[in-house]
Amino acid sequence: MGDDARHDHEHAHGRDNDQNSKRRQDRFQFLLVSHKDTDILTLNTAKCMLPLDFPSFETINLGEIKEDADMKRLVTSELYQQQPHIVILVRLLGRGVPGFSHLLEYAEQKDHDLIVVSGVPGSFEPDLTAMCTVSTETIHQVMAYFNADGCSHNMTNMFCYLADHLLKCGFGYDAPSVQPDHGLYHPQFQSSPTCDREHRAKSYLEDCYTASDRKPTICVIFYRCHFLSENTSFVDAILDELEALDLNAIGLFTETLREHKYHGNVNGTIVERFPTALTYLLDKQSGNCL
């Protein structure tokens, strides 16, 4: 083979390799569709915990689907049409998603696995189950992971479960682990194991209370979903600023402040309906605010 012919052959072979590489990069096997921004944030964290050879993901934030044409444009795109077999996991808050029928048609026409569940914790909605194309056992297991709370560890294990059962991968997975509804938070303790982290945050707050200088302590209350998805950079920034002002600062994550219970001693007073989350800010012995 002459030099020119060899060069043309190598150039064509390199172009084929580039095209094959691009096709591999464009291939995904999981599609997460959700109304909840925190689901997508949690997935971004979970990806770091998954095996290096784990199937890749695409996501659709339903808050960005404004009209029927937006969904149709996505599912009819070359990227979506070229996928051989994917698992579509949909998490809905309510109904009336623009173009949702196009997503259902896409899943049916391409024979993709489809799982549709409610974004409301603990909610079982038969009409959503009727849309699914997987076994009832698989649906219930996905709901168990979400209901145990959507932290990155649960999401990691949920997708490993789906990969093993629907894509026959064999990664292995752990059962869902329930996360607390409320708790103290400080970034300096986040690298510790869960039980140690909670203990150290409480000890830090108690040390602030008993310190000789008794600086004011500010508590920053934020939604638990940000804690579970590890979307806490804004809380960290607030705590840093407060401490820079020579104040004590602690975070408190909570599912809701509407949950309450009887408390016999809050600063020496009986309170019939005291927010459960705020009990984390009380000294167990004296009942005083820390």
Protein backbone atom coordinates (compact mmCIF):
# COMPACT_ATOMS: atom_id res chain seq x y z
CA MET A 1 0.00 0.00 0.00
CA GLY A 2 1.42 3.42 -0.97
CA ASP A 3 1.97 6.24 1.52
CA ASP A 4 -1.03 8.23 0.26
CA ALA A 5 -3.33 5.19 0.35
CA ARG A 6 -2.07 4.25 3.82
CA HIS A 7 -2.66 7.81 5.04
CA ASP A 8 -6.23 7.80 3.62
CA HIS A 9 -6.92 4.42 5.22
CA GLU A 10 -5.59 5.55 8.64
CA HIS A 11 -7.52 8.82 8.41
CA ALA A 12 -10.76 6.95 7.62
CA HIS A 13 -10.10 4.46 10.42
CA GLY A 14 -9.50 7.32 12.87
CA ARG A 15 -12.73 9.01 11.76
CA ASP A 16 -14.62 5.75 12.36
CA ASN A 17 -13.12 5.48 15.85
CA ASP A 18 -14.13 9.07 16.61
CA GLN A 19 -17.68 8.37 15.45
CA ASN A 20 -17.86 5.17 17.51
CA SER A 21 -16.55 7.04 20.55
CA LYS A 22 -19.15 9.77 20.07
CA ARG A 23 -21.92 7.16 19.81
CA ARG A 24 -20.74 5.63 23.09
CA GLN A 25 -20.70 9.05 24.76
CA ASP A 26 -24.23 9.76 23.50
CA ARG A 27 -25.58 6.48 24.85
CA PHE A 28 -27.41 6.46 28.17
CA GLN A 29 -29.40 3.75 29.93
CA PHE A 30 -31.17 5.68 32.68
CA LEU A 31 -33.49 8.64 32.25
CA LEU A 32 -34.59 10.41 35.46
CA VAL A 33 -37.64 12.64 34.98
CA SER A 34 -38.75 14.64 38.00
CA HIS A 35 -40.60 17.70 39.25
CA LYS A 36 -38.10 17.92 42.13
CA ASP A 37 -34.86 19.82 41.62
CA THR A 38 -33.44 17.99 44.63
CA ASP A 39 -33.83 14.62 42.87
CA ILE A 40 -31.48 15.81 40.14
CA LEU A 41 -29.09 17.39 42.64
CA THR A 42 -29.06 14.15 44.64
CA LEU A 43 -28.36 12.16 41.48
CA ASN A 44 -25.35 14.38 40.75
CA THR A 45 -23.94 13.44 44.16
CA ALA A 46 -24.92 9.77 43.79
CA LYS A 47 -23.01 9.49 40.49
CA CYS A 48 -19.76 9.94 42.42
CA MET A 49 -20.60 6.87 44.52
CA LEU A 50 -21.48 4.59 41.62
CA PRO A 51 -18.99 2.19 39.96
CA LEU A 52 -16.90 3.70 37.17
CA ASP A 53 -18.50 1.38 34.60
CA PHE A 54 -22.06 2.16 35.72
CA PRO A 55 -24.51 3.00 32.89
CA SER A 56 -24.82 6.71 32.15
CA PHE A 57 -27.75 9.04 32.84
CA GLU A 58 -29.89 11.71 31.26
CA THR A 59 -32.32 13.88 33.25
CA ILE A 60 -35.43 15.92 32.53
CA ASN A 61 -36.45 18.61 35.00
CA LEU A 62 -40.23 18.82 34.57
CA GLY A 63 -40.17 22.38 35.90
CA GLU A 64 -38.45 23.34 32.63
CA ILE A 65 -41.09 21.68 30.42
CA LYS A 66 -43.41 24.61 29.74
CA GLU A 67 -45.46 23.32 26.84
CA ASP A 68 -46.35 20.19 24.88
CA ALA A 69 -43.76 20.93 22.20
CA ASP A 70 -40.89 20.95 24.72
CA MET A 71 -41.41 17.31 25.64
CA LYS A 72 -42.05 16.26 22.05
CA ARG A 73 -38.84 17.95 20.93
CA LEU A 74 -36.85 16.00 23.54
CA VAL A 75 -38.21 12.51 22.93
CA THR A 76 -38.09 12.85 19.13
CA SER A 77 -34.51 14.13 19.14
CA GLU A 78 -31.73 12.00 17.66
CA LEU A 79 -30.21 11.51 21.13
CA TYR A 80 -33.38 9.89 22.48
CA GLN A 81 -34.33 8.01 19.35
CA GLN A 82 -30.98 6.23 19.03
CA GLN A 83 -31.10 4.63 22.50
CA PRO A 84 -31.56 0.83 22.20
CA HIS A 85 -32.99 0.16 25.67
CA ILE A 86 -33.28 2.47 28.68
CA VAL A 87 -34.95 2.62 32.08
CA ILE A 88 -37.16 5.69 32.48
CA LEU A 89 -37.88 6.70 36.08
CA VAL A 90 -40.53 9.42 36.49
CA ARG A 91 -41.36 11.16 39.78
CA LEU A 92 -44.44 13.38 39.65
CA LEU A 93 -45.93 16.05 41.86
CA GLY A 94 -49.51 16.25 40.65
CA ARG A 95 -50.66 15.80 37.07
CA GLY A 96 -50.97 17.95 33.97
CA VAL A 97 -47.35 17.70 32.82
CA PRO A 98 -47.12 19.36 29.37
CA GLY A 99 -46.48 16.74 26.71
CA PHE A 100 -46.50 13.83 29.14
CA SER A 101 -48.35 11.69 26.60
CA HIS A 102 -45.32 12.02 24.28
CA LEU A 103 -43.07 10.54 26.97
CA LEU A 104 -45.47 7.62 27.47
CA GLU A 105 -45.68 7.02 23.70
CA TYR A 106 -41.88 7.16 23.43
CA ALA A 107 -41.49 4.52 26.15
CA GLU A 108 -44.09 2.26 24.53
CA GLN A 109 -42.81 2.58 20.96
CA LYS A 110 -39.20 1.93 21.97
CA ASP A 111 -40.12 -0.80 24.47
CA HIS A 112 -38.26 0.99 27.26
CA ASP A 113 -38.80 0.13 30.92
CA LEU A 114 -41.04 2.77 32.51
CA ILE A 115 -41.51 3.45 36.23
CA VAL A 116 -43.83 6.26 37.34
CA VAL A 117 -44.15 7.11 41.05
CA SER A 118 -45.42 9.98 43.16
CA GLY A 119 -43.05 12.63 44.46
CA VAL A 120 -45.08 12.83 47.68
CA PRO A 121 -43.39 10.64 50.35
CA GLY A 122 -45.52 7.66 51.38
CA SER A 123 -48.09 8.24 48.62
CA PHE A 124 -49.26 5.26 46.57
CA GLU A 125 -51.27 6.29 43.50
CA PRO A 126 -52.78 3.41 41.47
CA ASP A 127 -53.11 5.42 38.25
CA LEU A 128 -49.34 5.96 38.22
CA THR A 129 -48.70 2.27 38.86
CA ALA A 130 -50.92 1.47 35.87
CA MET A 131 -48.53 3.41 33.62
CA CYS A 132 -45.53 1.30 34.64
CA THR A 133 -44.14 -1.50 32.49
CA VAL A 134 -42.08 -3.23 35.21
CA SER A 135 -43.13 -5.66 37.94
CA THR A 136 -45.07 -4.54 41.01
CA GLU A 137 -42.13 -5.70 43.14
CA THR A 138 -39.78 -3.33 41.30
CA ILE A 139 -42.23 -0.41 41.68
CA HIS A 140 -42.57 -1.02 45.42
CA GLN A 141 -38.80 -1.26 45.86
CA VAL A 142 -38.26 2.07 44.06
CA MET A 143 -40.93 3.64 46.28
CA ALA A 144 -39.20 2.16 49.34
CA TYR A 145 -35.93 3.89 48.40
CA PHE A 146 -37.67 7.23 47.86
CA ASN A 147 -39.87 6.89 50.97
CA ALA A 148 -36.81 6.06 53.08
CA ASP A 149 -35.72 9.50 51.93
CA GLY A 150 -33.90 10.66 48.90
CA CYS A 151 -30.38 10.94 50.19
CA SER A 152 -27.52 10.19 47.81
CA HIS A 153 -26.82 6.80 49.44
CA ASN A 154 -30.40 5.63 48.91
CA MET A 155 -30.40 6.90 45.33
CA THR A 156 -27.09 5.15 44.64
CA ASN A 157 -28.48 1.83 45.89
CA MET A 158 -31.79 2.34 44.10
CA PHE A 159 -30.09 2.70 40.73
CA CYS A 160 -27.81 -0.26 41.47
CA TYR A 161 -30.96 -2.27 42.24
CA LEU A 162 -32.54 -1.18 38.94
CA ALA A 163 -29.34 -1.89 37.01
CA ASP A 164 -29.16 -5.39 38.46
CA HIS A 165 -32.83 -6.26 38.00
CA LEU A 166 -33.64 -4.56 34.69
CA LEU A 167 -30.27 -4.37 32.92
CA LYS A 168 -28.74 -7.56 34.41
CA CYS A 169 -25.57 -5.78 35.53
CA GLY A 170 -24.70 -7.40 38.88
CA PHE A 171 -23.33 -4.41 40.80
CA GLY A 172 -24.98 -5.31 44.12
CA TYR A 173 -26.91 -2.91 46.37
CA ASP A 174 -27.99 -2.22 49.94
CA ALA A 175 -31.55 -1.98 51.26
CA PRO A 176 -33.13 1.47 51.79
CA SER A 177 -31.94 3.29 54.92
CA VAL A 178 -34.30 5.69 56.70
CA GLN A 179 -32.95 9.20 57.31
CA PRO A 180 -33.91 11.47 60.24
CA ASP A 181 -36.65 14.08 59.77
CA HIS A 182 -34.74 16.69 61.78
CA GLY A 183 -31.18 17.21 62.97
CA LEU A 184 -28.35 19.58 63.76
CA TYR A 185 -25.88 20.47 61.05
CA HIS A 186 -22.43 22.01 60.89
CA PRO A 187 -20.06 21.56 57.92
CA GLN A 188 -17.03 20.79 60.09
CA PHE A 189 -18.64 17.49 61.15
CA GLN A 190 -19.98 16.29 57.79
CA SER A 191 -17.06 13.99 57.07
CA SER A 192 -17.82 11.98 60.23
CA PRO A 193 -20.05 8.86 60.29
CA THR A 194 -23.74 9.67 60.78
CA CYS A 195 -24.07 8.77 64.49
CA ASP A 196 -20.77 10.52 65.36
CA ARG A 197 -21.73 13.55 63.27
CA GLU A 198 -25.00 14.01 65.18
CA HIS A 199 -23.25 13.62 68.54
CA ARG A 200 -20.49 16.08 67.65
CA ALA A 201 -22.96 18.70 66.40
CA LYS A 202 -24.96 18.43 69.65
CA SER A 203 -21.77 18.62 71.74
CA TYR A 204 -20.69 21.69 69.78
CA LEU A 205 -24.00 23.40 70.55
CA GLU A 206 -23.75 22.48 74.25
CA ASP A 207 -20.16 23.80 74.37
CA CYS A 208 -21.38 27.10 72.91
CA TYR A 209 -23.99 27.28 75.70
CA THR A 210 -21.56 26.55 78.54
CA ALA A 211 -18.61 28.60 77.23
CA SER A 212 -17.42 31.35 79.57
CA ASP A 213 -17.77 34.12 76.98
CA ARG A 214 -21.40 33.06 76.14
CA LYS A 215 -21.46 34.61 72.67
CA PRO A 216 -24.90 34.71 71.02
CA THR A 217 -25.76 31.54 69.11
CA ILE A 218 -27.65 31.81 65.82
CA CYS A 219 -29.51 28.80 64.37
CA VAL A 220 -30.04 28.62 60.62
CA ILE A 221 -33.11 26.49 59.84
CA PHE A 222 -33.35 24.94 56.37
CA TYR A 223 -35.31 22.26 54.56
CA ARG A 224 -34.24 18.66 55.03
CA CYS A 225 -34.29 18.02 51.26
CA HIS A 226 -31.21 20.24 50.92
CA PHE A 227 -29.42 18.20 53.60
CA LEU A 228 -30.32 14.89 51.91
CA SER A 229 -29.20 16.10 48.48
CA GLU A 230 -26.04 17.63 50.00
CA ASN A 231 -27.08 20.98 48.56
CA THR A 232 -25.83 22.84 51.62
CA SER A 233 -23.28 25.30 50.25
CA PHE A 234 -25.64 28.23 50.91
CA VAL A 235 -26.06 27.12 54.54
CA ASP A 236 -22.28 26.74 54.91
CA ALA A 237 -21.81 30.29 53.59
CA ILE A 238 -24.30 31.74 56.10
CA LEU A 239 -22.69 29.87 59.01
CA ASP A 240 -19.23 31.06 57.92
CA GLU A 241 -20.41 34.68 57.79
CA LEU A 242 -22.00 34.46 61.24
CA GLU A 243 -18.85 32.97 62.75
CA ALA A 244 -16.78 35.68 61.05
CA LEU A 245 -18.92 38.16 63.02
CA ASP A 246 -17.77 36.42 66.23
CA LEU A 247 -21.08 34.61 66.76
CA ASN A 248 -21.77 30.95 67.35
CA ALA A 249 -23.67 29.36 64.48
CA ILE A 250 -25.39 26.01 63.95
CA GLY A 251 -27.71 24.64 61.24
CA LEU A 252 -30.95 22.77 61.83
CA PHE A 253 -32.52 20.79 58.99
CA THR A 254 -36.19 19.86 59.20
CA GLU A 255 -38.86 18.18 57.12
CA THR A 256 -41.47 20.53 58.63
CA LEU A 257 -42.00 22.90 61.55
CA ARG A 258 -45.66 21.89 61.62
CA GLU A 259 -44.88 18.62 63.41
CA HIS A 260 -45.28 19.26 67.13
CA LYS A 261 -45.67 17.52 70.47
CA TYR A 262 -46.28 18.22 74.13
CA HIS A 263 -43.17 19.40 75.98
CA GLY A 264 -43.17 19.66 79.77
CA ASN A 265 -40.32 22.13 80.08
CA VAL A 266 -39.27 24.81 77.60
CA ASN A 267 -37.34 27.43 79.53
CA GLY A 268 -39.38 26.46 82.58
CA THR A 269 -42.76 26.56 80.80
CA ILE A 270 -45.14 23.78 79.75
CA VAL A 271 -45.80 23.98 76.01
CA GLU A 272 -48.71 21.97 74.59
CA ARG A 273 -47.64 22.16 70.95
CA PHE A 274 -43.89 22.63 70.61
CA PRO A 275 -42.26 22.09 67.17
CA THR A 276 -40.44 18.76 67.22
CA ALA A 277 -37.51 20.13 65.23
CA LEU A 278 -36.82 22.82 67.83
CA THR A 279 -36.34 20.24 70.61
CA TYR A 280 -32.84 19.77 69.16
CA LEU A 281 -32.07 23.26 70.46
CA LEU A 282 -33.06 22.47 74.07
CA ASP A 283 -30.91 21.15 76.88
CA LYS A 284 -32.37 17.74 77.82
CA GLN A 285 -31.84 18.25 81.54
CA SER A 286 -32.86 21.87 82.11
CA GLY A 287 -35.18 22.41 79.14
CA ASN A 288 -33.42 25.70 78.45
CA CYS A 289 -32.61 26.89 74.96
CA LEU A 290 -28.98 26.20 74.14
